[in-house]
N, C-alpha and C. Protein backbone atom coordinates (compact mmCIF):
# COMPACT_ATOMS: atom_id res chain seq x y z
N MET A 1 -11.07 -29.56 14.96
CA MET A 1 -11.01 -30.30 16.12
C MET A 1 -12.50 -31.17 15.93
N PRO A 2 -12.50 -32.38 16.32
CA PRO A 2 -13.34 -33.38 15.99
C PRO A 2 -14.63 -33.43 17.10
N LEU A 3 -14.81 -32.18 17.64
CA LEU A 3 -15.90 -31.80 18.61
C LEU A 3 -17.24 -32.18 18.07
N MET A 4 -17.58 -32.22 16.91
CA MET A 4 -18.60 -32.37 16.44
C MET A 4 -19.01 -33.84 16.75
N ASN A 5 -17.98 -34.82 16.85
CA ASN A 5 -18.22 -36.26 17.31
C ASN A 5 -19.05 -36.37 18.51
N LEU A 6 -18.90 -35.13 19.39
CA LEU A 6 -19.35 -35.40 20.87
C LEU A 6 -20.88 -35.01 20.59
N ILE A 7 -21.23 -34.16 19.89
CA ILE A 7 -22.52 -33.69 19.97
C ILE A 7 -23.81 -34.80 19.38
N PRO A 8 -24.78 -35.35 20.19
CA PRO A 8 -25.63 -36.12 19.39
C PRO A 8 -26.36 -35.28 18.41
N GLU A 9 -26.67 -36.40 17.44
CA GLU A 9 -27.14 -35.85 16.06
C GLU A 9 -28.79 -36.07 16.54
N GLY A 10 -29.62 -35.45 15.62
CA GLY A 10 -31.08 -35.39 15.70
C GLY A 10 -31.86 -35.07 17.09
N GLN A 11 -31.26 -34.63 18.04
CA GLN A 11 -31.96 -34.18 18.93
C GLN A 11 -32.21 -32.77 19.09
N THR A 12 -33.30 -32.44 20.14
CA THR A 12 -33.65 -30.97 20.29
C THR A 12 -32.32 -30.23 20.84
N PRO A 13 -32.39 -28.93 20.74
CA PRO A 13 -31.25 -28.03 21.39
C PRO A 13 -30.96 -28.29 22.81
N GLY A 14 -32.06 -28.48 23.54
CA GLY A 14 -31.70 -28.66 25.12
C GLY A 14 -31.54 -30.07 25.38
N ARG A 15 -31.87 -30.99 24.39
CA ARG A 15 -31.39 -32.45 24.68
C ARG A 15 -30.01 -32.38 24.39
N ARG A 16 -29.51 -31.80 23.58
CA ARG A 16 -28.08 -31.75 23.06
C ARG A 16 -27.27 -31.06 24.13
N THR A 17 -27.73 -30.07 24.41
CA THR A 17 -26.94 -29.39 25.57
C THR A 17 -27.04 -30.11 26.69
N ARG A 18 -28.18 -31.14 27.32
CA ARG A 18 -27.88 -31.79 28.35
C ARG A 18 -27.05 -33.04 28.29
N LEU A 19 -27.07 -33.51 27.13
CA LEU A 19 -26.15 -34.68 26.88
C LEU A 19 -24.62 -34.43 26.77
N LEU A 20 -24.60 -32.90 26.33
CA LEU A 20 -22.71 -32.61 26.44
C LEU A 20 -22.46 -32.23 27.83
N ALA A 21 -23.41 -31.48 28.50
CA ALA A 21 -23.10 -30.96 29.77
C ALA A 21 -22.90 -32.26 30.77
N GLU A 22 -23.75 -33.41 30.44
CA GLU A 22 -23.58 -34.47 31.45
C GLU A 22 -22.32 -35.23 30.96
N SER A 23 -21.93 -35.31 29.73
CA SER A 23 -20.81 -36.18 29.18
C SER A 23 -19.51 -35.48 30.00
N MET A 24 -19.54 -34.04 29.86
CA MET A 24 -18.23 -33.59 30.30
C MET A 24 -18.17 -33.50 31.87
N GLY A 25 -19.34 -33.51 32.61
CA GLY A 25 -19.36 -33.81 33.97
C GLY A 25 -19.02 -35.19 34.25
N ASN A 26 -19.22 -36.14 33.68
CA ASN A 26 -19.01 -37.54 33.66
C ASN A 26 -17.45 -37.64 33.49
N ALA A 27 -16.75 -36.82 32.64
CA ALA A 27 -15.59 -36.71 32.41
C ALA A 27 -14.77 -36.57 33.18
N LYS A 28 -15.10 -35.82 34.40
CA LYS A 28 -14.37 -35.19 35.42
C LYS A 28 -13.40 -36.31 36.13
N ALA A 29 -13.92 -37.52 36.44
CA ALA A 29 -13.17 -38.56 37.20
C ALA A 29 -12.10 -38.95 36.07
N SER A 30 -12.11 -39.24 34.74
CA SER A 30 -11.13 -39.69 33.66
C SER A 30 -9.96 -38.57 33.94
N PHE A 31 -10.78 -37.31 33.74
CA PHE A 31 -9.49 -36.02 33.79
C PHE A 31 -8.68 -36.19 35.07
N MET A 32 -9.34 -36.35 36.33
CA MET A 32 -8.63 -36.58 37.54
C MET A 32 -7.52 -37.50 37.51
N ASN A 33 -7.93 -38.78 37.02
CA ASN A 33 -6.98 -39.68 36.98
C ASN A 33 -5.93 -39.85 35.83
N GLY A 34 -5.94 -38.71 34.90
CA GLY A 34 -5.14 -38.70 33.73
C GLY A 34 -5.48 -39.60 32.50
N THR A 35 -6.73 -39.89 32.36
CA THR A 35 -7.05 -40.92 31.36
C THR A 35 -8.02 -40.58 30.20
N LEU A 36 -8.15 -39.03 30.27
CA LEU A 36 -9.22 -38.37 29.72
C LEU A 36 -8.27 -37.96 28.39
N THR A 37 -8.65 -38.06 27.16
CA THR A 37 -7.93 -37.79 25.92
C THR A 37 -8.76 -37.27 24.63
N GLY A 38 -7.96 -36.86 23.79
CA GLY A 38 -8.81 -36.44 22.61
C GLY A 38 -9.51 -35.14 22.80
N PRO A 39 -10.82 -34.96 21.89
CA PRO A 39 -11.65 -33.94 21.90
C PRO A 39 -12.31 -33.84 23.40
N GLU A 40 -12.47 -34.90 24.12
CA GLU A 40 -13.10 -34.71 25.36
C GLU A 40 -12.28 -33.95 26.28
N LEU A 41 -11.18 -34.25 25.99
CA LEU A 41 -9.91 -33.63 27.02
C LEU A 41 -9.72 -32.16 26.57
N SER A 42 -9.77 -31.82 25.45
CA SER A 42 -9.85 -30.47 24.90
C SER A 42 -11.05 -29.58 25.48
N LEU A 43 -12.05 -30.33 25.19
CA LEU A 43 -13.53 -29.47 25.79
C LEU A 43 -13.33 -29.41 27.27
N TYR A 44 -13.06 -30.35 27.97
CA TYR A 44 -13.19 -30.47 29.40
C TYR A 44 -12.03 -29.26 29.88
N LYS A 45 -10.92 -29.23 29.36
CA LYS A 45 -10.05 -28.29 29.82
C LYS A 45 -10.54 -26.86 29.61
N LYS A 46 -11.33 -26.78 28.51
CA LYS A 46 -11.91 -25.39 28.13
C LYS A 46 -12.98 -25.01 28.99
N LEU A 47 -13.83 -25.95 29.38
CA LEU A 47 -15.17 -25.59 30.28
C LEU A 47 -14.27 -25.27 31.56
N THR A 48 -13.51 -26.03 31.96
CA THR A 48 -12.97 -25.68 33.41
C THR A 48 -12.20 -24.43 33.53
N SER A 49 -11.57 -24.01 32.46
CA SER A 49 -10.93 -22.91 32.71
C SER A 49 -11.57 -21.32 32.60
N MET A 50 -12.77 -21.44 32.24
CA MET A 50 -13.79 -20.43 32.07
C MET A 50 -14.58 -19.99 33.35
N GLN A 51 -14.94 -19.05 33.44
CA GLN A 51 -15.93 -18.29 34.52
C GLN A 51 -17.02 -19.12 34.19
N CYS A 52 -18.04 -19.31 35.07
CA CYS A 52 -19.12 -20.15 35.21
C CYS A 52 -20.05 -19.89 34.01
N TRP A 53 -20.62 -18.63 33.83
CA TRP A 53 -21.49 -18.31 32.75
C TRP A 53 -21.03 -18.49 31.29
N ASP A 54 -19.45 -18.17 31.35
CA ASP A 54 -18.98 -18.56 29.90
C ASP A 54 -19.04 -20.14 29.44
N ALA A 55 -18.65 -20.69 30.64
CA ALA A 55 -18.44 -22.23 30.42
C ALA A 55 -19.98 -22.93 30.04
N ALA A 56 -21.06 -22.39 30.83
CA ALA A 56 -22.49 -22.73 30.51
C ALA A 56 -22.84 -22.40 28.96
N LEU A 57 -22.56 -21.13 28.64
CA LEU A 57 -22.73 -20.52 27.46
C LEU A 57 -22.22 -21.27 26.50
N TYR A 58 -20.72 -21.50 26.45
CA TYR A 58 -19.83 -22.29 25.46
C TYR A 58 -20.28 -23.78 25.42
N CYS A 59 -20.77 -24.38 26.49
CA CYS A 59 -21.56 -25.81 26.51
C CYS A 59 -22.43 -25.87 25.41
N ALA A 60 -23.39 -25.07 25.75
CA ALA A 60 -24.43 -24.85 25.03
C ALA A 60 -24.49 -24.54 23.61
N TRP A 61 -23.60 -23.81 23.38
CA TRP A 61 -22.93 -22.94 21.83
C TRP A 61 -22.48 -24.53 21.26
N SER A 62 -21.60 -25.26 21.94
CA SER A 62 -20.95 -26.25 21.49
C SER A 62 -21.69 -27.47 20.69
N ALA A 63 -23.02 -27.67 21.72
CA ALA A 63 -23.94 -28.70 21.42
C ALA A 63 -24.97 -28.06 20.57
N LYS A 64 -24.73 -26.86 19.57
CA LYS A 64 -25.59 -26.32 18.78
C LYS A 64 -26.98 -25.92 19.56
N GLY A 65 -27.05 -25.59 20.71
CA GLY A 65 -28.12 -25.65 21.58
C GLY A 65 -28.62 -24.20 21.45
N VAL A 66 -27.57 -23.09 21.25
CA VAL A 66 -27.99 -21.86 21.08
C VAL A 66 -27.12 -21.45 20.06
N ASN A 67 -27.23 -20.16 19.41
CA ASN A 67 -26.48 -19.48 18.50
C ASN A 67 -25.88 -18.02 19.05
N CYS A 68 -24.54 -17.93 19.03
CA CYS A 68 -24.23 -16.66 19.34
C CYS A 68 -22.88 -16.31 18.81
N PRO A 69 -22.99 -15.11 17.90
CA PRO A 69 -21.98 -14.65 17.26
C PRO A 69 -20.66 -14.35 17.94
N ASP A 70 -20.78 -14.11 19.36
CA ASP A 70 -19.82 -13.66 20.25
C ASP A 70 -18.95 -14.90 20.61
N VAL A 71 -19.32 -16.16 20.42
CA VAL A 71 -18.70 -17.24 21.19
C VAL A 71 -18.11 -17.82 19.95
N ASN A 72 -16.68 -18.47 20.32
CA ASN A 72 -15.82 -18.86 19.36
C ASN A 72 -15.11 -20.14 20.03
N MET A 73 -14.33 -20.77 19.29
CA MET A 73 -13.61 -21.78 19.96
C MET A 73 -12.13 -21.27 20.77
N ASN A 74 -11.90 -20.00 20.27
CA ASN A 74 -10.66 -19.53 20.86
C ASN A 74 -10.30 -19.02 21.95
N ASN A 75 -11.55 -18.35 22.43
CA ASN A 75 -11.54 -17.41 23.58
C ASN A 75 -12.05 -18.08 24.45
N ILE A 76 -11.81 -17.80 25.95
CA ILE A 76 -12.38 -18.27 27.17
C ILE A 76 -13.20 -17.40 27.85
N SER A 77 -13.15 -16.00 27.45
CA SER A 77 -14.23 -15.26 27.83
C SER A 77 -14.87 -14.48 26.81
N PHE A 78 -16.26 -14.34 26.73
CA PHE A 78 -17.02 -13.73 25.82
C PHE A 78 -17.80 -12.34 26.09
N ASN A 79 -17.69 -11.95 27.28
CA ASN A 79 -18.44 -10.81 27.95
C ASN A 79 -19.92 -10.81 27.28
N VAL A 80 -20.67 -11.88 26.74
CA VAL A 80 -22.11 -12.02 27.00
C VAL A 80 -22.79 -11.96 28.20
N THR A 81 -22.47 -12.45 29.15
CA THR A 81 -22.95 -12.29 30.62
C THR A 81 -21.72 -11.87 31.64
N THR A 82 -22.13 -10.99 32.38
CA THR A 82 -21.29 -10.64 33.59
C THR A 82 -22.06 -10.40 34.99
N ILE A 83 -21.59 -10.12 36.06
CA ILE A 83 -22.38 -10.20 37.08
C ILE A 83 -23.52 -9.40 37.23
N ASN A 84 -23.54 -8.12 36.02
CA ASN A 84 -24.41 -7.13 36.21
C ASN A 84 -25.09 -6.97 34.80
N ASN A 85 -24.69 -7.72 34.04
CA ASN A 85 -25.42 -7.88 32.52
C ASN A 85 -25.71 -9.26 32.19
N TYR A 86 -26.70 -9.81 32.19
CA TYR A 86 -27.06 -11.01 32.13
C TYR A 86 -28.51 -11.33 31.10
N ASN A 87 -28.56 -10.14 30.48
CA ASN A 87 -30.06 -10.28 29.54
C ASN A 87 -30.04 -10.73 28.45
N ARG A 88 -28.80 -11.11 27.90
CA ARG A 88 -28.82 -12.00 26.45
C ARG A 88 -29.15 -13.22 26.83
N ILE A 89 -28.71 -13.97 28.02
CA ILE A 89 -29.18 -15.19 28.20
C ILE A 89 -30.48 -15.14 29.06
N PHE A 90 -30.64 -14.43 29.99
CA PHE A 90 -31.77 -14.61 30.78
C PHE A 90 -32.90 -13.69 30.63
N GLY A 91 -32.69 -12.57 29.86
CA GLY A 91 -33.66 -11.66 29.30
C GLY A 91 -33.76 -10.46 30.34
N ALA A 92 -34.47 -9.48 30.07
CA ALA A 92 -34.44 -8.08 30.75
C ALA A 92 -35.01 -8.39 32.37
N ASN A 93 -35.87 -9.35 32.53
CA ASN A 93 -36.45 -9.53 33.88
C ASN A 93 -36.73 -11.14 34.19
N PRO A 94 -35.49 -11.59 34.61
CA PRO A 94 -35.31 -13.29 34.59
C PRO A 94 -36.28 -13.55 35.87
N ARG A 95 -36.53 -13.01 36.89
CA ARG A 95 -37.52 -13.02 37.94
C ARG A 95 -38.61 -13.78 37.62
N THR A 96 -39.22 -13.55 36.23
CA THR A 96 -40.34 -14.05 35.80
C THR A 96 -40.28 -15.46 35.53
N ARG A 97 -39.28 -15.97 35.45
CA ARG A 97 -38.60 -17.46 35.21
C ARG A 97 -38.17 -17.83 36.66
N SER A 98 -38.78 -17.68 37.78
CA SER A 98 -37.75 -18.07 38.91
C SER A 98 -38.22 -19.28 39.20
N VAL A 99 -37.27 -19.83 40.00
CA VAL A 99 -37.37 -21.48 40.44
C VAL A 99 -37.47 -21.39 41.96
N ASN A 100 -38.93 -21.38 42.66
CA ASN A 100 -39.21 -21.23 43.97
C ASN A 100 -39.17 -22.59 44.87
N THR A 101 -39.45 -23.74 44.20
CA THR A 101 -39.43 -25.10 44.90
C THR A 101 -38.73 -25.84 44.54
N LEU A 102 -38.65 -26.99 45.05
CA LEU A 102 -37.76 -28.27 44.71
C LEU A 102 -38.66 -28.86 43.61
N HIS A 103 -39.86 -28.91 43.55
CA HIS A 103 -40.71 -29.49 42.68
C HIS A 103 -40.66 -28.53 41.35
N GLU A 104 -40.59 -27.37 41.49
CA GLU A 104 -40.28 -26.61 40.31
C GLU A 104 -38.92 -27.00 39.55
N LEU A 105 -38.04 -27.05 40.45
CA LEU A 105 -36.77 -27.47 39.86
C LEU A 105 -36.53 -28.85 39.26
N MET A 106 -37.30 -29.48 39.97
CA MET A 106 -37.25 -31.07 39.24
C MET A 106 -37.88 -30.96 37.90
N THR A 107 -38.88 -30.16 37.66
CA THR A 107 -39.69 -30.08 36.23
C THR A 107 -39.19 -29.30 35.48
N LEU A 108 -37.89 -28.55 35.41
CA LEU A 108 -37.59 -27.79 34.33
C LEU A 108 -36.98 -28.52 33.18
N PRO A 109 -37.03 -27.67 32.20
CA PRO A 109 -36.51 -28.30 30.71
C PRO A 109 -35.31 -28.79 30.95
N GLU A 110 -34.70 -29.80 30.30
CA GLU A 110 -33.72 -30.43 30.22
C GLU A 110 -32.65 -29.39 29.21
N GLY A 111 -31.40 -29.23 29.79
CA GLY A 111 -30.38 -28.25 29.10
C GLY A 111 -30.72 -26.86 29.10
N CYS A 112 -31.37 -26.51 30.05
CA CYS A 112 -31.63 -25.03 30.24
C CYS A 112 -30.60 -24.32 31.10
N PHE A 113 -30.49 -22.90 30.88
CA PHE A 113 -29.53 -22.30 31.51
C PHE A 113 -30.09 -22.02 32.90
N ILE A 114 -29.57 -22.24 34.30
CA ILE A 114 -29.84 -21.70 35.29
C ILE A 114 -28.99 -20.63 36.07
N GLY A 115 -29.65 -19.62 36.50
CA GLY A 115 -28.85 -18.65 37.15
C GLY A 115 -29.14 -18.44 38.37
N PHE A 116 -28.17 -17.98 39.40
CA PHE A 116 -28.61 -17.66 40.71
C PHE A 116 -28.24 -16.19 41.02
N LEU A 117 -29.42 -15.62 40.96
CA LEU A 117 -29.34 -14.23 40.85
C LEU A 117 -29.67 -13.45 42.45
N SER A 118 -28.72 -12.66 42.89
CA SER A 118 -28.82 -12.04 44.27
C SER A 118 -30.07 -10.92 44.24
N ASN A 119 -30.44 -10.80 45.29
CA ASN A 119 -31.38 -10.00 45.65
C ASN A 119 -31.29 -8.49 45.33
N THR A 120 -29.85 -8.34 45.20
CA THR A 120 -29.30 -7.23 44.69
C THR A 120 -29.28 -6.85 43.24
N GLY A 121 -29.50 -7.90 42.61
CA GLY A 121 -29.49 -7.85 40.94
C GLY A 121 -28.07 -8.34 40.60
N VAL A 122 -27.29 -8.96 41.25
CA VAL A 122 -25.96 -9.58 40.69
C VAL A 122 -26.10 -11.04 40.60
N MET A 123 -25.79 -11.38 39.16
CA MET A 123 -25.63 -12.85 39.02
C MET A 123 -24.45 -13.44 39.69
N ARG A 124 -24.85 -14.23 40.32
CA ARG A 124 -23.71 -15.06 41.02
C ARG A 124 -23.27 -16.10 40.22
N HIS A 125 -24.05 -17.23 39.71
CA HIS A 125 -23.61 -18.49 39.38
C HIS A 125 -24.35 -18.68 38.08
N VAL A 126 -23.92 -19.67 37.12
CA VAL A 126 -24.81 -19.96 36.17
C VAL A 126 -24.35 -21.69 36.01
N MET A 127 -25.40 -22.40 35.66
CA MET A 127 -25.28 -23.47 35.27
C MET A 127 -25.97 -24.09 34.45
N ILE A 128 -25.89 -25.52 33.88
CA ILE A 128 -26.83 -25.91 32.82
C ILE A 128 -27.72 -27.05 33.89
N HIS A 129 -29.04 -27.20 33.65
CA HIS A 129 -30.12 -27.95 34.34
C HIS A 129 -29.73 -29.36 33.48
N THR A 130 -29.57 -30.56 33.79
CA THR A 130 -29.21 -31.67 32.91
C THR A 130 -30.89 -32.22 33.26
N SER A 131 -31.10 -32.65 34.42
CA SER A 131 -32.69 -33.33 34.60
C SER A 131 -32.66 -33.48 35.95
N ASN A 132 -34.00 -33.80 36.48
CA ASN A 132 -34.40 -33.93 37.82
C ASN A 132 -33.62 -33.40 38.88
N GLY A 133 -33.51 -32.06 38.68
CA GLY A 133 -32.89 -31.04 39.51
C GLY A 133 -31.14 -31.24 39.43
N HIS A 134 -30.68 -31.90 38.74
CA HIS A 134 -29.26 -32.16 38.52
C HIS A 134 -28.77 -30.66 37.57
N GLY A 135 -27.36 -30.44 37.76
CA GLY A 135 -26.90 -29.41 37.00
C GLY A 135 -25.50 -29.74 36.92
N ALA A 136 -24.89 -29.20 35.62
CA ALA A 136 -23.74 -29.24 35.46
C ALA A 136 -23.05 -27.72 34.89
N GLY A 137 -21.90 -27.50 35.67
CA GLY A 137 -21.42 -26.41 36.02
C GLY A 137 -19.94 -26.08 36.53
N ASN A 138 -19.22 -25.09 36.27
CA ASN A 138 -17.82 -24.95 36.71
C ASN A 138 -17.87 -23.81 37.67
N LYS A 139 -16.98 -23.96 38.80
CA LYS A 139 -17.03 -23.13 39.91
C LYS A 139 -18.24 -23.02 40.79
N SER A 140 -18.60 -24.25 41.17
CA SER A 140 -19.97 -24.03 41.58
C SER A 140 -19.97 -23.95 43.04
N ASP A 141 -18.66 -23.87 43.63
CA ASP A 141 -18.68 -23.87 45.01
C ASP A 141 -19.40 -22.68 45.92
N CYS A 142 -19.47 -21.44 44.89
CA CYS A 142 -20.18 -20.29 45.76
C CYS A 142 -21.63 -20.39 45.87
N VAL A 143 -22.35 -21.59 45.33
CA VAL A 143 -23.68 -21.66 45.59
C VAL A 143 -24.13 -23.02 46.09
N LEU A 144 -23.05 -24.20 45.90
CA LEU A 144 -23.29 -25.55 46.50
C LEU A 144 -22.15 -26.22 47.23
N THR A 145 -22.33 -26.31 48.43
CA THR A 145 -21.26 -26.85 49.27
C THR A 145 -20.55 -28.05 48.45
N ASP A 146 -21.20 -28.78 47.77
CA ASP A 146 -20.36 -30.25 47.14
C ASP A 146 -19.60 -29.59 45.92
N GLY A 147 -19.72 -28.35 45.35
CA GLY A 147 -19.02 -27.95 44.39
C GLY A 147 -17.59 -27.62 44.53
N ASN A 148 -17.25 -27.54 43.56
CA ASN A 148 -15.43 -27.40 43.72
C ASN A 148 -15.11 -25.88 43.10
N THR A 149 -14.21 -25.38 43.42
CA THR A 149 -13.54 -23.99 42.99
C THR A 149 -13.28 -24.03 41.33
N ALA A 150 -12.90 -25.24 40.81
CA ALA A 150 -12.63 -25.27 39.49
C ALA A 150 -13.08 -26.65 39.08
N GLY A 151 -13.38 -26.79 37.90
CA GLY A 151 -13.66 -28.28 37.22
C GLY A 151 -14.89 -28.29 36.75
N TRP A 152 -15.47 -28.68 35.62
CA TRP A 152 -16.72 -29.00 35.29
C TRP A 152 -17.28 -30.08 35.79
N GLU A 153 -18.60 -30.17 36.45
CA GLU A 153 -18.90 -31.11 37.32
C GLU A 153 -20.68 -31.24 37.32
N LEU A 154 -20.81 -32.58 37.75
CA LEU A 154 -22.40 -32.69 37.99
C LEU A 154 -22.68 -32.75 39.28
N LEU A 155 -23.66 -31.88 39.52
CA LEU A 155 -24.25 -31.47 41.04
C LEU A 155 -25.59 -31.55 41.20
N ASP A 156 -26.03 -31.90 42.45
CA ASP A 156 -27.51 -31.83 42.75
C ASP A 156 -27.76 -30.60 43.30
N MET A 157 -28.58 -29.86 42.27
CA MET A 157 -29.01 -28.48 42.54
C MET A 157 -29.90 -28.49 43.72
N ALA A 158 -30.85 -29.77 44.20
CA ALA A 158 -31.74 -29.72 44.84
C ALA A 158 -30.97 -28.99 46.27
N HIS A 159 -30.00 -29.01 46.48
CA HIS A 159 -29.29 -28.74 47.76
C HIS A 159 -29.45 -27.34 47.98
N PHE A 160 -29.54 -26.64 46.79
CA PHE A 160 -29.91 -25.17 46.98
C PHE A 160 -31.15 -24.84 47.93
N PHE A 161 -32.19 -25.84 47.75
CA PHE A 161 -33.39 -25.59 48.73
C PHE A 161 -33.28 -26.24 49.87
N GLY A 162 -32.23 -26.98 50.09
CA GLY A 162 -32.12 -27.77 51.63
C GLY A 162 -30.81 -27.38 52.26
N LYS A 163 -29.85 -28.38 52.15
CA LYS A 163 -28.64 -28.23 53.17
C LYS A 163 -27.94 -26.73 52.63
N ASP A 164 -27.90 -26.15 51.46
CA ASP A 164 -27.25 -25.14 51.01
C ASP A 164 -28.11 -23.69 51.22
N ARG A 165 -29.35 -23.97 51.59
CA ARG A 165 -29.83 -22.65 51.67
C ARG A 165 -29.56 -21.46 52.09
N ASN A 166 -28.73 -21.68 53.24
CA ASN A 166 -28.22 -20.70 53.89
C ASN A 166 -26.55 -20.33 53.73
N HIS A 167 -26.20 -21.24 52.56
CA HIS A 167 -24.63 -21.24 51.94
C HIS A 167 -24.32 -19.85 51.38
N ASN A 168 -23.51 -19.25 51.88
CA ASN A 168 -22.72 -18.11 51.18
C ASN A 168 -23.93 -17.17 50.58
N GLY A 169 -24.65 -16.79 51.27
CA GLY A 169 -26.02 -15.71 50.81
C GLY A 169 -27.04 -16.32 49.85
N ASN A 170 -26.97 -17.73 49.70
CA ASN A 170 -27.92 -18.10 49.05
C ASN A 170 -29.44 -17.68 49.42
N SER A 171 -29.40 -17.62 51.13
CA SER A 171 -30.99 -17.36 51.43
C SER A 171 -31.44 -15.72 50.77
N GLN A 172 -30.30 -15.03 50.03
CA GLN A 172 -30.71 -13.81 49.64
C GLN A 172 -30.68 -13.89 47.80
N THR A 173 -30.95 -15.00 47.36
CA THR A 173 -30.62 -15.47 46.03
C THR A 173 -31.91 -15.99 45.46
N THR A 174 -32.05 -15.66 44.19
CA THR A 174 -33.00 -16.53 43.53
C THR A 174 -32.74 -17.44 42.30
N MET A 175 -33.13 -18.50 42.27
CA MET A 175 -32.86 -19.54 41.02
C MET A 175 -33.68 -18.84 39.84
N VAL A 176 -33.01 -18.63 39.01
CA VAL A 176 -33.88 -18.66 37.63
C VAL A 176 -33.49 -19.25 36.40
N TYR A 177 -34.28 -19.60 35.44
CA TYR A 177 -33.94 -20.36 34.29
C TYR A 177 -34.27 -19.79 32.88
N MET A 178 -33.62 -20.34 31.93
CA MET A 178 -34.07 -20.04 30.78
C MET A 178 -33.75 -21.18 29.83
N PRO A 179 -35.01 -21.63 29.10
CA PRO A 179 -34.96 -22.73 28.00
C PRO A 179 -33.73 -22.30 26.98
N VAL A 180 -33.11 -23.57 26.56
CA VAL A 180 -32.29 -23.55 25.60
C VAL A 180 -32.99 -24.22 24.20
N THR A 181 -33.25 -23.35 23.46
CA THR A 181 -34.10 -23.79 22.25
C THR A 181 -33.58 -23.47 20.80
N GLY A 182 -32.22 -23.35 20.78
CA GLY A 182 -31.73 -22.75 19.62
C GLY A 182 -31.83 -21.52 19.10
N GLN A 183 -31.99 -20.70 20.37
CA GLN A 183 -32.28 -19.29 20.21
C GLN A 183 -30.75 -18.53 19.75
N LEU A 184 -31.02 -17.27 19.42
CA LEU A 184 -29.94 -16.29 19.15
C LEU A 184 -29.71 -15.59 20.38
N ILE A 185 -28.37 -15.81 20.95
CA ILE A 185 -28.26 -14.97 22.15
C ILE A 185 -27.28 -13.89 21.79
């Protein structure tokens, strides 16, 4: 698969992840109107078919943003992250990297993983921060009212602190992040 042609060369792992996540988010309109083709179509379909955390991990892995021996091009589920087990991506205590304000969200590193962790310790959702508080992900309607049930898309995560702060349990949810630096997951 000529997926390698989609990955920017010579960039940092976070930048590559951001650019691929944005590219696939921008591909949504072409997918919806039937004009998306080639490797872009294959990758978009794959991201859209996955659970949110698997899609974010696959996007970062595809961009060579992270290394993960459990990820491959054939599966759509990797069991690296689940609702109760997210340590491999976010670490043993992800709340140490919580995002508590809109300003903190706006200044996060590009291409980092964003998790939405309930106060009971359940991972509700995962996206990739692109820049300036925006994110890319799949099945984002669980935390953002502008999100859809399926489809990799770009969204304004700032709404988590504004109009969506009481949506679907968000008031009992902490946003956390983990930089993408080429690390082994």
